[in-house]
Amino acid sequence: MQILSLIWGILAFIGFFIALLPCVGALNWLNIPFAAIGLVVSIIAVVKGKPGSNGGAIVGLILCGIAVFFGLIRLIIGGGLV
């Protein structure tokens, strides 16, 4: 589960960087829900994981959180979220 959350976080982060490009900001409409589901998966992985071995799940949690937060900011600045 931790590896899944790590991979999910990496994919959400890559989608976030692609959506930063001009004329591709609409990708955030797909990336934000994808990253939000990744947040849920990462939280479950952190809670159910063994203490001390949650590194991958925590990194996935941070990457998904960054993708959601800055994706929303990008949509607000670009006028896509009014």
PDB file of N, CA and C in Angstrom:
ATOM      1  N   MET A   1       0.822  -1.189   0.000  1.00  0.00           N
ATOM      2  CA  MET A   1       0.000   0.000   0.000  1.00  0.00           C
ATOM      3  C   MET A   1       0.874   1.265   0.000  1.00  0.00           C
ATOM      4  N   GLN A   2       2.028   1.164   0.669  1.00  0.00           N
ATOM      5  CA  GLN A   2       2.914   2.318   0.706  1.00  0.00           C
ATOM      6  C   GLN A   2       3.534   2.596  -0.655  1.00  0.00           C
ATOM      7  N   ILE A   3       3.864   1.549  -1.366  1.00  0.00           N
ATOM      8  CA  ILE A   3       4.434   1.726  -2.705  1.00  0.00           C
ATOM      9  C   ILE A   3       3.383   2.320  -3.641  1.00  0.00           C
ATOM     10  N   LEU A   4       2.140   1.869  -3.502  1.00  0.00           N
ATOM     11  CA  LEU A   4       1.048   2.420  -4.308  1.00  0.00           C
ATOM     12  C   LEU A   4       0.885   3.909  -4.043  1.00  0.00           C
ATOM     13  N   SER A   5       0.909   4.313  -2.781  1.00  0.00           N
ATOM     14  CA  SER A   5       0.741   5.731  -2.473  1.00  0.00           C
ATOM     15  C   SER A   5       1.927   6.549  -2.965  1.00  0.00           C
ATOM     16  N   LEU A   6       3.121   5.972  -2.913  1.00  0.00           N
ATOM     17  CA  LEU A   6       4.299   6.672  -3.429  1.00  0.00           C
ATOM     18  C   LEU A   6       4.202   6.866  -4.944  1.00  0.00           C
ATOM     19  N   ILE A   7       3.837   5.818  -5.650  1.00  0.00           N
ATOM     20  CA  ILE A   7       3.693   5.917  -7.113  1.00  0.00           C
ATOM     21  C   ILE A   7       2.576   6.882  -7.473  1.00  0.00           C
ATOM     22  N   TRP A   8       1.474   6.832  -6.728  1.00  0.00           N
ATOM     23  CA  TRP A   8       0.347   7.726  -6.965  1.00  0.00           C
ATOM     24  C   TRP A   8       0.780   9.178  -6.764  1.00  0.00           C
ATOM     25  N   GLY A   9       1.551   9.428  -5.708  1.00  0.00           N
ATOM     26  CA  GLY A   9       2.046  10.773  -5.453  1.00  0.00           C
ATOM     27  C   GLY A   9       2.974  11.271  -6.542  1.00  0.00           C
ATOM     28  N   ILE A  10       3.847  10.400  -7.026  1.00  0.00           N
ATOM     29  CA  ILE A  10       4.754  10.783  -8.102  1.00  0.00           C
ATOM     30  C   ILE A  10       3.971  11.116  -9.375  1.00  0.00           C
ATOM     31  N   LEU A  11       2.979  10.305  -9.709  1.00  0.00           N
ATOM     32  CA  LEU A  11       2.172  10.569 -10.905  1.00  0.00           C
ATOM     33  C   LEU A  11       1.365  11.865 -10.769  1.00  0.00           C
ATOM     34  N   ALA A  12       0.822  12.116  -9.582  1.00  0.00           N
ATOM     35  CA  ALA A  12       0.074  13.357  -9.359  1.00  0.00           C
ATOM     36  C   ALA A  12       1.003  14.563  -9.460  1.00  0.00           C
ATOM     37  N   PHE A  13       2.217  14.424  -8.953  1.00  0.00           N
ATOM     38  CA  PHE A  13       3.179  15.518  -9.008  1.00  0.00           C
ATOM     39  C   PHE A  13       3.626  15.793 -10.441  1.00  0.00           C
ATOM     40  N   ILE A  14       3.820  14.747 -11.217  1.00  0.00           N
ATOM     41  CA  ILE A  14       4.167  14.920 -12.635  1.00  0.00           C
ATOM     42  C   ILE A  14       3.022  15.599 -13.377  1.00  0.00           C
ATOM     43  N   GLY A  15       1.794  15.178 -13.090  1.00  0.00           N
ATOM     44  CA  GLY A  15       0.627  15.830 -13.693  1.00  0.00           C
ATOM     45  C   GLY A  15       0.532  17.292 -13.304  1.00  0.00           C
ATOM     46  N   PHE A  16       0.887  17.599 -12.062  1.00  0.00           N
ATOM     47  CA  PHE A  16       0.887  18.990 -11.600  1.00  0.00           C
ATOM     48  C   PHE A  16       1.891  19.821 -12.391  1.00  0.00           C
ATOM     49  N   PHE A  17       3.096  19.284 -12.606  1.00  0.00           N
ATOM     50  CA  PHE A  17       4.100  20.032 -13.364  1.00  0.00           C
ATOM     51  C   PHE A  17       3.706  20.202 -14.821  1.00  0.00           C
ATOM     52  N   ILE A  18       3.077  19.198 -15.408  1.00  0.00           N
ATOM     53  CA  ILE A  18       2.615  19.336 -16.795  1.00  0.00           C
ATOM     54  C   ILE A  18       1.525  20.395 -16.882  1.00  0.00           C
ATOM     55  N   ALA A  19       0.648  20.440 -15.870  1.00  0.00           N
ATOM     56  CA  ALA A  19      -0.448  21.413 -15.872  1.00  0.00           C
ATOM     57  C   ALA A  19       0.034  22.833 -15.619  1.00  0.00           C
ATOM     58  N   LEU A  20       1.278  23.016 -15.200  1.00  0.00           N
ATOM     59  CA  LEU A  20       1.809  24.362 -15.025  1.00  0.00           C
ATOM     60  C   LEU A  20       2.138  25.033 -16.357  1.00  0.00           C
ATOM     61  N   LEU A  21       2.305  24.231 -17.392  1.00  0.00           N
ATOM     62  CA  LEU A  21       2.627  24.786 -18.706  1.00  0.00           C
ATOM     63  C   LEU A  21       1.461  25.617 -19.227  1.00  0.00           C
ATOM     64  N   PRO A  22       1.757  26.679 -19.963  1.00  0.00           N
ATOM     65  CA  PRO A  22       0.681  27.472 -20.546  1.00  0.00           C
ATOM     66  C   PRO A  22      -0.163  26.622 -21.505  1.00  0.00           C
ATOM     67  N   CYS A  23      -1.436  26.875 -21.522  1.00  0.00           N
ATOM     68  CA  CYS A  23      -2.426  26.207 -22.384  1.00  0.00           C
ATOM     69  C   CYS A  23      -2.686  24.757 -21.989  1.00  0.00           C
ATOM     70  N   VAL A  24      -2.135  24.293 -20.886  1.00  0.00           N
ATOM     71  CA  VAL A  24      -2.381  22.931 -20.432  1.00  0.00           C
ATOM     72  C   VAL A  24      -2.947  22.960 -19.008  1.00  0.00           C
ATOM     73  N   GLY A  25      -3.323  24.134 -18.526  1.00  0.00           N
ATOM     74  CA  GLY A  25      -3.820  24.281 -17.171  1.00  0.00           C
ATOM     75  C   GLY A  25      -5.119  23.546 -16.912  1.00  0.00           C
ATOM     76  N   ALA A  26      -5.874  23.253 -17.966  1.00  0.00           N
ATOM     77  CA  ALA A  26      -7.127  22.524 -17.796  1.00  0.00           C
ATOM     78  C   ALA A  26      -6.894  21.091 -17.320  1.00  0.00           C
ATOM     79  N   LEU A  27      -5.663  20.619 -17.436  1.00  0.00           N
ATOM     80  CA  LEU A  27      -5.326  19.292 -16.927  1.00  0.00           C
ATOM     81  C   LEU A  27      -5.536  19.207 -15.415  1.00  0.00           C
ATOM     82  N   ASN A  28      -5.518  20.358 -14.741  1.00  0.00           N
ATOM     83  CA  ASN A  28      -5.745  20.376 -13.300  1.00  0.00           C
ATOM     84  C   ASN A  28      -7.134  19.852 -12.937  1.00  0.00           C
ATOM     85  N   TRP A  29      -8.093  19.993 -13.837  1.00  0.00           N
ATOM     86  CA  TRP A  29      -9.439  19.464 -13.573  1.00  0.00           C
ATOM     87  C   TRP A  29      -9.410  17.947 -13.458  1.00  0.00           C
ATOM     88  N   LEU A  30      -8.460  17.305 -14.082  1.00  0.00           N
ATOM     89  CA  LEU A  30      -8.301  15.852 -13.942  1.00  0.00           C
ATOM     90  C   LEU A  30      -7.295  15.494 -12.852  1.00  0.00           C
ATOM     91  N   ASN A  31      -6.267  16.306 -12.709  1.00  0.00           N
ATOM     92  CA  ASN A  31      -5.193  15.978 -11.775  1.00  0.00           C
ATOM     93  C   ASN A  31      -5.603  16.184 -10.317  1.00  0.00           C
ATOM     94  N   ILE A  32      -6.412  17.187 -10.026  1.00  0.00           N
ATOM     95  CA  ILE A  32      -6.800  17.448  -8.640  1.00  0.00           C
ATOM     96  C   ILE A  32      -7.614  16.296  -8.054  1.00  0.00           C
ATOM     97  N   PRO A  33      -8.652  15.781  -8.743  1.00  0.00           N
ATOM     98  CA  PRO A  33      -9.345  14.608  -8.175  1.00  0.00           C
ATOM     99  C   PRO A  33      -8.442  13.381  -8.077  1.00  0.00           C
ATOM    100  N   PHE A  34      -7.561  13.196  -9.056  1.00  0.00           N
ATOM    101  CA  PHE A  34      -6.611  12.086  -9.011  1.00  0.00           C
ATOM    102  C   PHE A  34      -5.719  12.192  -7.779  1.00  0.00           C
ATOM    103  N   ALA A  35      -5.212  13.402  -7.511  1.00  0.00           N
ATOM    104  CA  ALA A  35      -4.342  13.614  -6.354  1.00  0.00           C
ATOM    105  C   ALA A  35      -5.125  13.521  -5.048  1.00  0.00           C
ATOM    106  N   ALA A  36      -6.394  13.933  -5.051  1.00  0.00           N
ATOM    107  CA  ALA A  36      -7.207  13.833  -3.840  1.00  0.00           C
ATOM    108  C   ALA A  36      -7.451  12.365  -3.466  1.00  0.00           C
ATOM    109  N   ILE A  37      -7.681  11.530  -4.452  1.00  0.00           N
ATOM    110  CA  ILE A  37      -7.820  10.099  -4.176  1.00  0.00           C
ATOM    111  C   ILE A  37      -6.492   9.544  -3.675  1.00  0.00           C
ATOM    112  N   GLY A  38      -5.396  10.033  -4.235  1.00  0.00           N
ATOM    113  CA  GLY A  38      -4.079   9.637  -3.763  1.00  0.00           C
ATOM    114  C   GLY A  38      -3.838  10.058  -2.317  1.00  0.00           C
ATOM    115  N   LEU A  39      -4.384  11.217  -1.924  1.00  0.00           N
ATOM    116  CA  LEU A  39      -4.290  11.635  -0.529  1.00  0.00           C
ATOM    117  C   LEU A  39      -4.980  10.641   0.392  1.00  0.00           C
ATOM    118  N   VAL A  40      -6.172  10.206  -0.007  1.00  0.00           N
ATOM    119  CA  VAL A  40      -6.920   9.245   0.809  1.00  0.00           C
ATOM    120  C   VAL A  40      -6.155   7.925   0.912  1.00  0.00           C
ATOM    121  N   VAL A  41      -5.640   7.449  -0.205  1.00  0.00           N
ATOM    122  CA  VAL A  41      -4.878   6.196  -0.203  1.00  0.00           C
ATOM    123  C   VAL A  41      -3.629   6.339   0.676  1.00  0.00           C
ATOM    124  N   SER A  42      -2.970   7.485   0.599  1.00  0.00           N
ATOM    125  CA  SER A  42      -1.766   7.703   1.399  1.00  0.00           C
ATOM    126  C   SER A  42      -2.081   7.777   2.886  1.00  0.00           C
ATOM    127  N   ILE A  43      -3.180   8.416   3.235  1.00  0.00           N
ATOM    128  CA  ILE A  43      -3.572   8.484   4.642  1.00  0.00           C
ATOM    129  C   ILE A  43      -3.867   7.090   5.175  1.00  0.00           C
ATOM    130  N   ILE A  44      -4.562   6.290   4.396  1.00  0.00           N
ATOM    131  CA  ILE A  44      -4.846   4.909   4.811  1.00  0.00           C
ATOM    132  C   ILE A  44      -3.542   4.134   4.968  1.00  0.00           C
ATOM    133  N   ALA A  45      -2.604   4.334   4.047  1.00  0.00           N
ATOM    134  CA  ALA A  45      -1.329   3.622   4.129  1.00  0.00           C
ATOM    135  C   ALA A  45      -0.525   4.049   5.358  1.00  0.00           C
ATOM    136  N   VAL A  46      -0.591   5.325   5.705  1.00  0.00           N
ATOM    137  CA  VAL A  46       0.135   5.795   6.888  1.00  0.00           C
ATOM    138  C   VAL A  46      -0.489   5.222   8.154  1.00  0.00           C
ATOM    139  N   VAL A  47      -1.816   5.220   8.214  1.00  0.00           N
ATOM    140  CA  VAL A  47      -2.506   4.740   9.415  1.00  0.00           C
ATOM    141  C   VAL A  47      -2.320   3.235   9.599  1.00  0.00           C
ATOM    142  N   LYS A  48      -2.413   2.479   8.518  1.00  0.00           N
ATOM    143  CA  LYS A  48      -2.324   1.023   8.620  1.00  0.00           C
ATOM    144  C   LYS A  48      -0.901   0.484   8.579  1.00  0.00           C
ATOM    145  N   GLY A  49       0.055   1.328   8.237  1.00  0.00           N
ATOM    146  CA  GLY A  49       1.438   0.875   8.140  1.00  0.00           C
ATOM    147  C   GLY A  49       2.083   0.701   9.501  1.00  0.00           C
ATOM    148  N   LYS A  50       3.176  -0.018   9.495  1.00  0.00           N
ATOM    149  CA  LYS A  50       3.927  -0.233  10.720  1.00  0.00           C
ATOM    150  C   LYS A  50       4.659   1.054  11.093  1.00  0.00           C
ATOM    151  N   PRO A  51       4.696   1.377  12.373  1.00  0.00           N
ATOM    152  CA  PRO A  51       5.435   2.587  12.784  1.00  0.00           C
ATOM    153  C   PRO A  51       6.913   2.484  12.402  1.00  0.00           C
ATOM    154  N   GLY A  52       7.422   3.549  11.849  1.00  0.00           N
ATOM    155  CA  GLY A  52       8.826   3.578  11.455  1.00  0.00           C
ATOM    156  C   GLY A  52       9.089   3.163  10.025  1.00  0.00           C
ATOM    157  N   SER A  53       8.089   2.591   9.362  1.00  0.00           N
ATOM    158  CA  SER A  53       8.294   2.171   7.973  1.00  0.00           C
ATOM    159  C   SER A  53       7.281   2.828   7.043  1.00  0.00           C
ATOM    160  N   ASN A  54       6.886   4.049   7.371  1.00  0.00           N
ATOM    161  CA  ASN A  54       5.875   4.753   6.578  1.00  0.00           C
ATOM    162  C   ASN A  54       6.484   5.771   5.622  1.00  0.00           C
ATOM    163  N   GLY A  55       7.740   5.632   5.280  1.00  0.00           N
ATOM    164  CA  GLY A  55       8.422   6.627   4.457  1.00  0.00           C
ATOM    165  C   GLY A  55       7.775   6.850   3.105  1.00  0.00           C
ATOM    166  N   GLY A  56       7.480   5.783   2.390  1.00  0.00           N
ATOM    167  CA  GLY A  56       6.874   5.912   1.066  1.00  0.00           C
ATOM    168  C   GLY A  56       5.484   6.511   1.127  1.00  0.00           C
ATOM    169  N   ALA A  57       4.717   6.124   2.134  1.00  0.00           N
ATOM    170  CA  ALA A  57       3.361   6.652   2.268  1.00  0.00           C
ATOM    171  C   ALA A  57       3.385   8.128   2.628  1.00  0.00           C
ATOM    172  N   ILE A  58       4.331   8.534   3.453  1.00  0.00           N
ATOM    173  CA  ILE A  58       4.420   9.944   3.835  1.00  0.00           C
ATOM    174  C   ILE A  58       4.859  10.793   2.650  1.00  0.00           C
ATOM    175  N   VAL A  59       5.794  10.301   1.863  1.00  0.00           N
ATOM    176  CA  VAL A  59       6.214  11.037   0.660  1.00  0.00           C
ATOM    177  C   VAL A  59       5.053  11.141  -0.327  1.00  0.00           C
ATOM    178  N   GLY A  60       4.300  10.055  -0.506  1.00  0.00           N
ATOM    179  CA  GLY A  60       3.120  10.100  -1.371  1.00  0.00           C
ATOM    180  C   GLY A  60       2.084  11.081  -0.868  1.00  0.00           C
ATOM    181  N   LEU A  61       1.903  11.133   0.449  1.00  0.00           N
ATOM    182  CA  LEU A  61       0.964  12.074   1.063  1.00  0.00           C
ATOM    183  C   LEU A  61       1.393  13.514   0.794  1.00  0.00           C
ATOM    184  N   ILE A  62       2.659  13.797   0.953  1.00  0.00           N
ATOM    185  CA  ILE A  62       3.166  15.155   0.723  1.00  0.00           C
ATOM    186  C   ILE A  62       3.053  15.542  -0.743  1.00  0.00           C
ATOM    187  N   LEU A  63       3.418  14.639  -1.646  1.00  0.00           N
ATOM    188  CA  LEU A  63       3.357  14.955  -3.082  1.00  0.00           C
ATOM    189  C   LEU A  63       1.921  15.177  -3.536  1.00  0.00           C
ATOM    190  N   CYS A  64       0.991  14.353  -3.075  1.00  0.00           N
ATOM    191  CA  CYS A  64      -0.420  14.539  -3.444  1.00  0.00           C
ATOM    192  C   CYS A  64      -0.966  15.838  -2.859  1.00  0.00           C
ATOM    193  N   GLY A  65      -0.562  16.149  -1.630  1.00  0.00           N
ATOM    194  CA  GLY A  65      -1.007  17.405  -1.017  1.00  0.00           C
ATOM    195  C   GLY A  65      -0.518  18.617  -1.774  1.00  0.00           C
ATOM    196  N   ILE A  66       0.737  18.578  -2.202  1.00  0.00           N
ATOM    197  CA  ILE A  66       1.291  19.678  -2.987  1.00  0.00           C
ATOM    198  C   ILE A  66       0.549  19.802  -4.316  1.00  0.00           C
ATOM    199  N   ALA A  67       0.274  18.673  -4.959  1.00  0.00           N
ATOM    200  CA  ALA A  67      -0.413  18.701  -6.258  1.00  0.00           C
ATOM    201  C   ALA A  67      -1.822  19.268  -6.125  1.00  0.00           C
ATOM    202  N   VAL A  68      -2.533  18.914  -5.059  1.00  0.00           N
ATOM    203  CA  VAL A  68      -3.890  19.440  -4.854  1.00  0.00           C
ATOM    204  C   VAL A  68      -3.837  20.933  -4.551  1.00  0.00           C
ATOM    205  N   PHE A  69      -2.987  21.321  -3.610  1.00  0.00           N
ATOM    206  CA  PHE A  69      -2.930  22.719  -3.172  1.00  0.00           C
ATOM    207  C   PHE A  69      -2.535  23.655  -4.310  1.00  0.00           C
ATOM    208  N   PHE A  70      -1.413  23.360  -4.949  1.00  0.00           N
ATOM    209  CA  PHE A  70      -0.947  24.261  -6.002  1.00  0.00           C
ATOM    210  C   PHE A  70      -1.767  24.127  -7.283  1.00  0.00           C
ATOM    211  N   GLY A  71      -2.387  22.972  -7.493  1.00  0.00           N
ATOM    212  CA  GLY A  71      -3.306  22.843  -8.627  1.00  0.00           C
ATOM    213  C   GLY A  71      -4.520  23.738  -8.466  1.00  0.00           C
ATOM    214  N   LEU A  72      -5.058  23.786  -7.241  1.00  0.00           N
ATOM    215  CA  LEU A  72      -6.177  24.700  -6.975  1.00  0.00           C
ATOM    216  C   LEU A  72      -5.763  26.163  -7.133  1.00  0.00           C
ATOM    217  N   ILE A  73      -4.575  26.489  -6.669  1.00  0.00           N
ATOM    218  CA  ILE A  73      -4.089  27.872  -6.818  1.00  0.00           C
ATOM    219  C   ILE A  73      -3.946  28.208  -8.293  1.00  0.00           C
ATOM    220  N   ARG A  74      -3.429  27.252  -9.085  1.00  0.00           N
ATOM    221  CA  ARG A  74      -3.251  27.482 -10.532  1.00  0.00           C
ATOM    222  C   ARG A  74      -4.595  27.690 -11.208  1.00  0.00           C
ATOM    223  N   LEU A  75      -5.611  26.925 -10.788  1.00  0.00           N
ATOM    224  CA  LEU A  75      -6.937  27.109 -11.370  1.00  0.00           C
ATOM    225  C   LEU A  75      -7.525  28.455 -10.988  1.00  0.00           C
ATOM    226  N   ILE A  76      -7.322  28.890  -9.761  1.00  0.00           N
ATOM    227  CA  ILE A  76      -7.842  30.187  -9.324  1.00  0.00           C
ATOM    228  C   ILE A  76      -7.159  31.325 -10.081  1.00  0.00           C
ATOM    229  N   ILE A  77      -5.841  31.252 -10.204  1.00  0.00           N
ATOM    230  CA  ILE A  77      -5.113  32.307 -10.906  1.00  0.00           C
ATOM    231  C   ILE A  77      -5.471  32.319 -12.390  1.00  0.00           C
ATOM    232  N   GLY A  78      -5.630  31.161 -12.986  1.00  0.00           N
ATOM    233  CA  GLY A  78      -5.945  31.085 -14.405  1.00  0.00           C
ATOM    234  C   GLY A  78      -7.403  31.365 -14.736  1.00  0.00           C
ATOM    235  N   GLY A  79      -8.252  31.531 -13.728  1.00  0.00           N
ATOM    236  CA  GLY A  79      -9.654  31.837 -13.975  1.00  0.00           C
ATOM    237  C   GLY A  79     -10.498  30.597 -14.224  1.00  0.00           C
ATOM    238  N   GLY A  80      -9.947  29.413 -14.006  1.00  0.00           N
ATOM    239  CA  GLY A  80     -10.692  28.186 -14.232  1.00  0.00           C
ATOM    240  C   GLY A  80     -11.590  27.811 -13.081  1.00  0.00           C
ATOM    241  N   LEU A  81     -11.388  28.428 -11.920  1.00  0.00           N
ATOM    242  CA  LEU A  81     -12.186  28.149 -10.745  1.00  0.00           C
ATOM    243  C   LEU A  81     -12.731  29.471 -10.238  1.00  0.00           C
ATOM    244  N   VAL A  82     -13.970  29.731 -10.568  1.00  0.00           N
ATOM    245  CA  VAL A  82     -14.565  31.008 -10.193  1.00  0.00           C
ATOM    246  C   VAL A  82     -15.700  30.782  -9.232  1.00  0.00           C
TER     247      VAL A  82
END
